[in-house]
Amino acid sequence: MVITVSLPQFLGRAEAATFRNQLLVALEQKESIAVECADAGPLPSLWIQLLHSAATSAKALGLSVTLKAVSEECRESLRAIGFDAAQSALVLE
């Protein structure tokens, strides 16, 4: 089973803590995660780190974290920090 979560409208620190808890619950339940990104603009580096960390943890458990419907702004923010989809556990759809 895959748990789908959406990025919140505002990507601040408080929202990151809540989102992190959602990711942890999914991983504790041994579920892969799909993150709906259709309305996401550029991702702050804190959020990129959070998603990458969750994806790395998921991969170690034989699960995955997939970003769905990734906007061009979101892709650009990933490229700006040197994100390499081929080398990352984070899956872009």
PDB file of N, CA and C in Angstrom:
ATOM      1  N   MET A   1       0.840  -1.185   0.000  1.00  0.00           N
ATOM      2  CA  MET A   1       0.000   0.000   0.000  1.00  0.00           C
ATOM      3  C   MET A   1       0.886   1.248   0.000  1.00  0.00           C
ATOM      4  N   VAL A   2       0.393   2.307  -0.616  1.00  0.00           N
ATOM      5  CA  VAL A   2       1.104   3.574  -0.680  1.00  0.00           C
ATOM      6  C   VAL A   2       0.248   4.638   0.005  1.00  0.00           C
ATOM      7  N   ILE A   3       0.851   5.368   0.915  1.00  0.00           N
ATOM      8  CA  ILE A   3       0.167   6.467   1.583  1.00  0.00           C
ATOM      9  C   ILE A   3       0.470   7.738   0.797  1.00  0.00           C
ATOM     10  N   THR A   4      -0.572   8.472   0.419  1.00  0.00           N
ATOM     11  CA  THR A   4      -0.401   9.718  -0.319  1.00  0.00           C
ATOM     12  C   THR A   4      -0.598  10.896   0.625  1.00  0.00           C
ATOM     13  N   VAL A   5       0.354  11.815   0.610  1.00  0.00           N
ATOM     14  CA  VAL A   5       0.264  13.047   1.400  1.00  0.00           C
ATOM     15  C   VAL A   5       0.509  14.217   0.457  1.00  0.00           C
ATOM     16  N   SER A   6      -0.057  15.351   0.792  1.00  0.00           N
ATOM     17  CA  SER A   6       0.141  16.555  -0.016  1.00  0.00           C
ATOM     18  C   SER A   6       1.032  17.523   0.720  1.00  0.00           C
ATOM     19  N   LEU A   7       1.838  18.251  -0.051  1.00  0.00           N
ATOM     20  CA  LEU A   7       2.631  19.300   0.558  1.00  0.00           C
ATOM     21  C   LEU A   7       1.680  20.399   1.015  1.00  0.00           C
ATOM     22  N   PRO A   8       1.920  20.986   2.197  1.00  0.00           N
ATOM     23  CA  PRO A   8       1.067  22.087   2.638  1.00  0.00           C
ATOM     24  C   PRO A   8       1.286  23.322   1.772  1.00  0.00           C
ATOM     25  N   GLN A   9       0.343  24.255   1.852  1.00  0.00           N
ATOM     26  CA  GLN A   9       0.445  25.483   1.050  1.00  0.00           C
ATOM     27  C   GLN A   9       1.659  26.308   1.455  1.00  0.00           C
ATOM     28  N   PHE A  10       1.917  26.405   2.754  1.00  0.00           N
ATOM     29  CA  PHE A  10       3.052  27.169   3.243  1.00  0.00           C
ATOM     30  C   PHE A  10       4.125  26.191   3.704  1.00  0.00           C
ATOM     31  N   LEU A  11       5.342  26.340   3.222  1.00  0.00           N
ATOM     32  CA  LEU A  11       6.421  25.400   3.528  1.00  0.00           C
ATOM     33  C   LEU A  11       7.374  25.980   4.561  1.00  0.00           C
ATOM     34  N   GLY A  12       6.854  26.262   5.743  1.00  0.00           N
ATOM     35  CA  GLY A  12       7.666  26.803   6.830  1.00  0.00           C
ATOM     36  C   GLY A  12       8.185  25.719   7.749  1.00  0.00           C
ATOM     37  N   ARG A  13       8.879  26.136   8.809  1.00  0.00           N
ATOM     38  CA  ARG A  13       9.463  25.186   9.768  1.00  0.00           C
ATOM     39  C   ARG A  13       8.402  24.418  10.549  1.00  0.00           C
ATOM     40  N   ALA A  14       7.352  25.101  11.000  1.00  0.00           N
ATOM     41  CA  ALA A  14       6.300  24.422  11.757  1.00  0.00           C
ATOM     42  C   ALA A  14       5.618  23.362  10.893  1.00  0.00           C
ATOM     43  N   GLU A  15       5.352  23.721   9.651  1.00  0.00           N
ATOM     44  CA  GLU A  15       4.731  22.778   8.723  1.00  0.00           C
ATOM     45  C   GLU A  15       5.666  21.602   8.425  1.00  0.00           C
ATOM     46  N   ALA A  16       6.956  21.870   8.389  1.00  0.00           N
ATOM     47  CA  ALA A  16       7.935  20.803   8.150  1.00  0.00           C
ATOM     48  C   ALA A  16       7.902  19.780   9.277  1.00  0.00           C
ATOM     49  N   ALA A  17       7.768  20.247  10.519  1.00  0.00           N
ATOM     50  CA  ALA A  17       7.721  19.325  11.660  1.00  0.00           C
ATOM     51  C   ALA A  17       6.489  18.430  11.574  1.00  0.00           C
ATOM     52  N   THR A  18       5.348  19.017  11.234  1.00  0.00           N
ATOM     53  CA  THR A  18       4.118  18.238  11.100  1.00  0.00           C
ATOM     54  C   THR A  18       4.233  17.245   9.951  1.00  0.00           C
ATOM     55  N   PHE A  19       4.768  17.700   8.828  1.00  0.00           N
ATOM     56  CA  PHE A  19       4.937  16.848   7.653  1.00  0.00           C
ATOM     57  C   PHE A  19       5.900  15.705   7.958  1.00  0.00           C
ATOM     58  N   ARG A  20       6.973  16.011   8.667  1.00  0.00           N
ATOM     59  CA  ARG A  20       7.957  14.987   9.051  1.00  0.00           C
ATOM     60  C   ARG A  20       7.278  13.887   9.870  1.00  0.00           C
ATOM     61  N   ASN A  21       6.402  14.288  10.777  1.00  0.00           N
ATOM     62  CA  ASN A  21       5.693  13.303  11.592  1.00  0.00           C
ATOM     63  C   ASN A  21       4.806  12.411  10.727  1.00  0.00           C
ATOM     64  N   GLN A  22       4.165  12.984   9.705  1.00  0.00           N
ATOM     65  CA  GLN A  22       3.352  12.183   8.790  1.00  0.00           C
ATOM     66  C   GLN A  22       4.220  11.148   8.073  1.00  0.00           C
ATOM     67  N   LEU A  23       5.392  11.581   7.638  1.00  0.00           N
ATOM     68  CA  LEU A  23       6.300  10.664   6.946  1.00  0.00           C
ATOM     69  C   LEU A  23       6.765   9.548   7.882  1.00  0.00           C
ATOM     70  N   LEU A  24       7.086   9.915   9.122  1.00  0.00           N
ATOM     71  CA  LEU A  24       7.543   8.911  10.088  1.00  0.00           C
ATOM     72  C   LEU A  24       6.466   7.877  10.386  1.00  0.00           C
ATOM     73  N   VAL A  25       5.223   8.320  10.513  1.00  0.00           N
ATOM     74  CA  VAL A  25       4.119   7.385  10.770  1.00  0.00           C
ATOM     75  C   VAL A  25       3.991   6.408   9.611  1.00  0.00           C
ATOM     76  N   ALA A  26       4.061   6.914   8.386  1.00  0.00           N
ATOM     77  CA  ALA A  26       3.965   6.036   7.217  1.00  0.00           C
ATOM     78  C   ALA A  26       5.090   5.009   7.210  1.00  0.00           C
ATOM     79  N   LEU A  27       6.301   5.456   7.505  1.00  0.00           N
ATOM     80  CA  LEU A  27       7.434   4.528   7.514  1.00  0.00           C
ATOM     81  C   LEU A  27       7.322   3.514   8.648  1.00  0.00           C
ATOM     82  N   GLU A  28       6.825   3.940   9.799  1.00  0.00           N
ATOM     83  CA  GLU A  28       6.636   3.004  10.919  1.00  0.00           C
ATOM     84  C   GLU A  28       5.613   1.937  10.556  1.00  0.00           C
ATOM     85  N   GLN A  29       4.645   2.307   9.725  1.00  0.00           N
ATOM     86  CA  GLN A  29       3.627   1.347   9.283  1.00  0.00           C
ATOM     87  C   GLN A  29       4.107   0.529   8.083  1.00  0.00           C
ATOM     88  N   LYS A  30       5.377   0.754   7.709  1.00  0.00           N
ATOM     89  CA  LYS A  30       6.001   0.056   6.593  1.00  0.00           C
ATOM     90  C   LYS A  30       5.226   0.271   5.293  1.00  0.00           C
ATOM     91  N   GLU A  31       4.925   1.553   5.026  1.00  0.00           N
ATOM     92  CA  GLU A  31       4.214   1.942   3.820  1.00  0.00           C
ATOM     93  C   GLU A  31       5.080   2.875   2.985  1.00  0.00           C
ATOM     94  N   SER A  32       5.046   2.699   1.680  1.00  0.00           N
ATOM     95  CA  SER A  32       5.693   3.649   0.788  1.00  0.00           C
ATOM     96  C   SER A  32       4.869   4.935   0.790  1.00  0.00           C
ATOM     97  N   ILE A  33       5.493   6.025   0.362  1.00  0.00           N
ATOM     98  CA  ILE A  33       4.857   7.333   0.447  1.00  0.00           C
ATOM     99  C   ILE A  33       4.867   7.996  -0.920  1.00  0.00           C
ATOM    100  N   ALA A  34       3.727   8.539  -1.315  1.00  0.00           N
ATOM    101  CA  ALA A  34       3.614   9.366  -2.514  1.00  0.00           C
ATOM    102  C   ALA A  34       3.301  10.775  -2.032  1.00  0.00           C
ATOM    103  N   VAL A  35       4.120  11.732  -2.439  1.00  0.00           N
ATOM    104  CA  VAL A  35       3.937  13.125  -2.038  1.00  0.00           C
ATOM    105  C   VAL A  35       3.388  13.887  -3.231  1.00  0.00           C
ATOM    106  N   GLU A  36       2.184  14.406  -3.074  1.00  0.00           N
ATOM    107  CA  GLU A  36       1.524  15.162  -4.136  1.00  0.00           C
ATOM    108  C   GLU A  36       2.118  16.562  -4.195  1.00  0.00           C
ATOM    109  N   CYS A  37       2.725  16.910  -5.325  1.00  0.00           N
ATOM    110  CA  CYS A  37       3.455  18.173  -5.464  1.00  0.00           C
ATOM    111  C   CYS A  37       2.874  19.087  -6.537  1.00  0.00           C
ATOM    112  N   ALA A  38       1.689  18.806  -7.016  1.00  0.00           N
ATOM    113  CA  ALA A  38       1.140  19.555  -8.146  1.00  0.00           C
ATOM    114  C   ALA A  38       1.090  21.054  -7.897  1.00  0.00           C
ATOM    115  N   ASP A  39       0.781  21.482  -6.687  1.00  0.00           N
ATOM    116  CA  ASP A  39       0.661  22.907  -6.389  1.00  0.00           C
ATOM    117  C   ASP A  39       1.924  23.487  -5.763  1.00  0.00           C
ATOM    118  N   ALA A  40       2.969  22.710  -5.692  1.00  0.00           N
ATOM    119  CA  ALA A  40       4.195  23.176  -5.031  1.00  0.00           C
ATOM    120  C   ALA A  40       5.009  24.074  -5.946  1.00  0.00           C
ATOM    121  N   GLY A  41       5.460  25.153  -5.389  1.00  0.00           N
ATOM    122  CA  GLY A  41       6.396  26.016  -6.096  1.00  0.00           C
ATOM    123  C   GLY A  41       7.802  25.544  -5.758  1.00  0.00           C
ATOM    124  N   PRO A  42       8.734  26.471  -5.681  1.00  0.00           N
ATOM    125  CA  PRO A  42      10.105  26.100  -5.316  1.00  0.00           C
ATOM    126  C   PRO A  42      10.137  25.519  -3.905  1.00  0.00           C
ATOM    127  N   LEU A  43      10.921  24.487  -3.722  1.00  0.00           N
ATOM    128  CA  LEU A  43      11.049  23.872  -2.402  1.00  0.00           C
ATOM    129  C   LEU A  43      12.210  24.498  -1.639  1.00  0.00           C
ATOM    130  N   PRO A  44      11.967  24.936  -0.391  1.00  0.00           N
ATOM    131  CA  PRO A  44      13.072  25.412   0.438  1.00  0.00           C
ATOM    132  C   PRO A  44      14.025  24.251   0.734  1.00  0.00           C
ATOM    133  N   SER A  45      15.280  24.561   0.989  1.00  0.00           N
ATOM    134  CA  SER A  45      16.274  23.507   1.218  1.00  0.00           C
ATOM    135  C   SER A  45      15.906  22.616   2.401  1.00  0.00           C
ATOM    136  N   LEU A  46      15.272  23.169   3.432  1.00  0.00           N
ATOM    137  CA  LEU A  46      14.833  22.355   4.579  1.00  0.00           C
ATOM    138  C   LEU A  46      13.901  21.242   4.115  1.00  0.00           C
ATOM    139  N   TRP A  47      12.991  21.562   3.212  1.00  0.00           N
ATOM    140  CA  TRP A  47      12.043  20.575   2.724  1.00  0.00           C
ATOM    141  C   TRP A  47      12.715  19.548   1.833  1.00  0.00           C
ATOM    142  N   ILE A  48      13.674  19.978   1.051  1.00  0.00           N
ATOM    143  CA  ILE A  48      14.412  19.032   0.207  1.00  0.00           C
ATOM    144  C   ILE A  48      15.183  18.056   1.088  1.00  0.00           C
ATOM    145  N   GLN A  49      15.810  18.564   2.128  1.00  0.00           N
ATOM    146  CA  GLN A  49      16.535  17.700   3.059  1.00  0.00           C
ATOM    147  C   GLN A  49      15.588  16.719   3.735  1.00  0.00           C
ATOM    148  N   LEU A  50      14.419  17.197   4.133  1.00  0.00           N
ATOM    149  CA  LEU A  50      13.418  16.354   4.779  1.00  0.00           C
ATOM    150  C   LEU A  50      12.974  15.227   3.853  1.00  0.00           C
ATOM    151  N   LEU A  51      12.666  15.562   2.618  1.00  0.00           N
ATOM    152  CA  LEU A  51      12.226  14.549   1.657  1.00  0.00           C
ATOM    153  C   LEU A  51      13.340  13.557   1.330  1.00  0.00           C
ATOM    154  N   HIS A  52      14.550  14.064   1.168  1.00  0.00           N
ATOM    155  CA  HIS A  52      15.688  13.181   0.873  1.00  0.00           C
ATOM    156  C   HIS A  52      15.941  12.224   2.041  1.00  0.00           C
ATOM    157  N   SER A  53      15.889  12.735   3.250  1.00  0.00           N
ATOM    158  CA  SER A  53      16.098  11.902   4.433  1.00  0.00           C
ATOM    159  C   SER A  53      15.021  10.815   4.543  1.00  0.00           C
ATOM    160  N   ALA A  54      13.775  11.200   4.307  1.00  0.00           N
ATOM    161  CA  ALA A  54      12.683  10.217   4.346  1.00  0.00           C
ATOM    162  C   ALA A  54      12.874   9.158   3.275  1.00  0.00           C
ATOM    163  N   ALA A  55      13.298   9.580   2.082  1.00  0.00           N
ATOM    164  CA  ALA A  55      13.510   8.629   0.982  1.00  0.00           C
ATOM    165  C   ALA A  55      14.638   7.659   1.296  1.00  0.00           C
ATOM    166  N   THR A  56      15.698   8.160   1.913  1.00  0.00           N
ATOM    167  CA  THR A  56      16.823   7.300   2.287  1.00  0.00           C
ATOM    168  C   THR A  56      16.380   6.272   3.330  1.00  0.00           C
ATOM    169  N   SER A  57      15.617   6.717   4.322  1.00  0.00           N
ATOM    170  CA  SER A  57      15.097   5.807   5.349  1.00  0.00           C
ATOM    171  C   SER A  57      14.150   4.781   4.736  1.00  0.00           C
ATOM    172  N   ALA A  58      13.295   5.244   3.826  1.00  0.00           N
ATOM    173  CA  ALA A  58      12.351   4.345   3.168  1.00  0.00           C
ATOM    174  C   ALA A  58      13.085   3.279   2.367  1.00  0.00           C
ATOM    175  N   LYS A  59      14.090   3.690   1.630  1.00  0.00           N
ATOM    176  CA  LYS A  59      14.845   2.742   0.803  1.00  0.00           C
ATOM    177  C   LYS A  59      15.493   1.661   1.665  1.00  0.00           C
ATOM    178  N   ALA A  60      15.996   2.052   2.837  1.00  0.00           N
ATOM    179  CA  ALA A  60      16.612   1.076   3.745  1.00  0.00           C
ATOM    180  C   ALA A  60      15.591   0.040   4.232  1.00  0.00           C
ATOM    181  N   LEU A  61      14.312   0.415   4.215  1.00  0.00           N
ATOM    182  CA  LEU A  61      13.241  -0.492   4.635  1.00  0.00           C
ATOM    183  C   LEU A  61      12.599  -1.224   3.455  1.00  0.00           C
ATOM    184  N   GLY A  62      13.142  -1.003   2.250  1.00  0.00           N
ATOM    185  CA  GLY A  62      12.567  -1.610   1.058  1.00  0.00           C
ATOM    186  C   GLY A  62      11.323  -0.878   0.572  1.00  0.00           C
ATOM    187  N   LEU A  63      11.167   0.388   0.963  1.00  0.00           N
ATOM    188  CA  LEU A  63      10.025   1.209   0.584  1.00  0.00           C
ATOM    189  C   LEU A  63      10.504   2.350  -0.303  1.00  0.00           C
ATOM    190  N   SER A  64       9.597   3.256  -0.647  1.00  0.00           N
ATOM    191  CA  SER A  64       9.994   4.390  -1.480  1.00  0.00           C
ATOM    192  C   SER A  64       9.246   5.656  -1.090  1.00  0.00           C
ATOM    193  N   VAL A  65       9.833   6.785  -1.442  1.00  0.00           N
ATOM    194  CA  VAL A  65       9.177   8.087  -1.355  1.00  0.00           C
ATOM    195  C   VAL A  65       9.205   8.657  -2.765  1.00  0.00           C
ATOM    196  N   THR A  66       8.012   8.907  -3.304  1.00  0.00           N
ATOM    197  CA  THR A  66       7.864   9.382  -4.674  1.00  0.00           C
ATOM    198  C   THR A  66       7.205  10.756  -4.668  1.00  0.00           C
ATOM    199  N   LEU A  67       7.782  11.682  -5.418  1.00  0.00           N
ATOM    200  CA  LEU A  67       7.161  12.988  -5.622  1.00  0.00           C
ATOM    201  C   LEU A  67       6.325  12.892  -6.886  1.00  0.00           C
ATOM    202  N   LYS A  68       5.017  13.129  -6.750  1.00  0.00           N
ATOM    203  CA  LYS A  68       4.100  13.020  -7.879  1.00  0.00           C
ATOM    204  C   LYS A  68       3.747  14.404  -8.408  1.00  0.00           C
ATOM    205  N   ALA A  69       3.567  14.497  -9.707  1.00  0.00           N
ATOM    206  CA  ALA A  69       3.146  15.736 -10.369  1.00  0.00           C
ATOM    207  C   ALA A  69       4.047  16.903  -9.984  1.00  0.00           C
ATOM    208  N   VAL A  70       5.341  16.694 -10.110  1.00  0.00           N
ATOM    209  CA  VAL A  70       6.327  17.701  -9.705  1.00  0.00           C
ATOM    210  C   VAL A  70       6.292  18.892 -10.671  1.00  0.00           C
ATOM    211  N   SER A  71       6.070  20.074 -10.110  1.00  0.00           N
ATOM    212  CA  SER A  71       6.027  21.288 -10.940  1.00  0.00           C
ATOM    213  C   SER A  71       7.430  21.642 -11.430  1.00  0.00           C
ATOM    214  N   GLU A  72       7.491  22.461 -12.462  1.00  0.00           N
ATOM    215  CA  GLU A  72       8.787  22.887 -12.989  1.00  0.00           C
ATOM    216  C   GLU A  72       9.547  23.711 -11.951  1.00  0.00           C
ATOM    217  N   GLU A  73       8.838  24.537 -11.169  1.00  0.00           N
ATOM    218  CA  GLU A  73       9.496  25.321 -10.112  1.00  0.00           C
ATOM    219  C   GLU A  73      10.133  24.399  -9.076  1.00  0.00           C
ATOM    220  N   CYS A  74       9.429  23.345  -8.747  1.00  0.00           N
ATOM    221  CA  CYS A  74       9.940  22.365  -7.785  1.00  0.00           C
ATOM    222  C   CYS A  74      11.177  21.662  -8.357  1.00  0.00           C
ATOM    223  N   ARG A  75      11.100  21.250  -9.606  1.00  0.00           N
ATOM    224  CA  ARG A  75      12.244  20.595 -10.255  1.00  0.00           C
ATOM    225  C   ARG A  75      13.449  21.529 -10.295  1.00  0.00           C
ATOM    226  N   GLU A  76      13.194  22.805 -10.578  1.00  0.00           N
ATOM    227  CA  GLU A  76      14.276  23.778 -10.643  1.00  0.00           C
ATOM    228  C   GLU A  76      14.947  23.948  -9.281  1.00  0.00           C
ATOM    229  N   SER A  77      14.172  23.961  -8.206  1.00  0.00           N
ATOM    230  CA  SER A  77      14.778  24.095  -6.880  1.00  0.00           C
ATOM    231  C   SER A  77      15.613  22.861  -6.540  1.00  0.00           C
ATOM    232  N   LEU A  78      15.192  21.694  -7.014  1.00  0.00           N
ATOM    233  CA  LEU A  78      15.990  20.481  -6.811  1.00  0.00           C
ATOM    234  C   LEU A  78      17.292  20.548  -7.603  1.00  0.00           C
ATOM    235  N   ARG A  79      17.200  20.995  -8.843  1.00  0.00           N
ATOM    236  CA  ARG A  79      18.405  21.125  -9.670  1.00  0.00           C
ATOM    237  C   ARG A  79      19.367  22.156  -9.091  1.00  0.00           C
ATOM    238  N   ALA A  80      18.825  23.223  -8.511  1.00  0.00           N
ATOM    239  CA  ALA A  80      19.655  24.308  -7.972  1.00  0.00           C
ATOM    240  C   ALA A  80      20.570  23.835  -6.846  1.00  0.00           C
ATOM    241  N   ILE A  81      20.155  22.787  -6.137  1.00  0.00           N
ATOM    242  CA  ILE A  81      21.018  22.281  -5.062  1.00  0.00           C
ATOM    243  C   ILE A  81      21.856  21.088  -5.522  1.00  0.00           C
ATOM    244  N   GLY A  82      21.783  20.781  -6.820  1.00  0.00           N
ATOM    245  CA  GLY A  82      22.591  19.692  -7.353  1.00  0.00           C
ATOM    246  C   GLY A  82      21.938  18.329  -7.221  1.00  0.00           C
ATOM    247  N   PHE A  83      20.620  18.290  -7.087  1.00  0.00           N
ATOM    248  CA  PHE A  83      19.896  17.025  -6.979  1.00  0.00           C
ATOM    249  C   PHE A  83      20.123  16.188  -8.226  1.00  0.00           C
ATOM    250  N   ASP A  84      20.483  14.940  -8.035  1.00  0.00           N
ATOM    251  CA  ASP A  84      20.698  14.008  -9.133  1.00  0.00           C
ATOM    252  C   ASP A  84      19.751  12.826  -8.925  1.00  0.00           C
ATOM    253  N   ALA A  85      18.692  12.773  -9.701  1.00  0.00           N
ATOM    254  CA  ALA A  85      17.679  11.729  -9.544  1.00  0.00           C
ATOM    255  C   ALA A  85      18.273  10.327  -9.648  1.00  0.00           C
ATOM    256  N   ALA A  86      19.309  10.167 -10.446  1.00  0.00           N
ATOM    257  CA  ALA A  86      19.933   8.857 -10.622  1.00  0.00           C
ATOM    258  C   ALA A  86      20.667   8.404  -9.365  1.00  0.00           C
ATOM    259  N   GLN A  87      21.093   9.343  -8.539  1.00  0.00           N
ATOM    260  CA  GLN A  87      21.866   9.020  -7.337  1.00  0.00           C
ATOM    261  C   GLN A  87      21.046   9.103  -6.049  1.00  0.00           C
ATOM    262  N   SER A  88      19.791   9.522  -6.131  1.00  0.00           N
ATOM    263  CA  SER A  88      18.981   9.756  -4.947  1.00  0.00           C
ATOM    264  C   SER A  88      17.954   8.645  -4.746  1.00  0.00           C
ATOM    265  N   ALA A  89      17.607   8.416  -3.496  1.00  0.00           N
ATOM    266  CA  ALA A  89      16.553   7.475  -3.166  1.00  0.00           C
ATOM    267  C   ALA A  89      15.180   8.088  -3.437  1.00  0.00           C
ATOM    268  N   LEU A  90      15.129   9.414  -3.551  1.00  0.00           N
ATOM    269  CA  LEU A  90      13.883  10.135  -3.813  1.00  0.00           C
ATOM    270  C   LEU A  90      13.494   9.953  -5.271  1.00  0.00           C
ATOM    271  N   VAL A  91      12.277   9.482  -5.522  1.00  0.00           N
ATOM    272  CA  VAL A  91      11.817   9.202  -6.881  1.00  0.00           C
ATOM    273  C   VAL A  91      10.951  10.352  -7.372  1.00  0.00           C
ATOM    274  N   LEU A  92      11.262  10.865  -8.563  1.00  0.00           N
ATOM    275  CA  LEU A  92      10.449  11.902  -9.184  1.00  0.00           C
ATOM    276  C   LEU A  92       9.566  11.257 -10.237  1.00  0.00           C
ATOM    277  N   GLU A  93       8.307  11.596 -10.210  1.00  0.00           N
ATOM    278  CA  GLU A  93       7.372  11.027 -11.190  1.00  0.00           C
ATOM    279  C   GLU A  93       6.964  12.089 -12.169  1.00  0.00           C
TER     280      GLU A  93
END
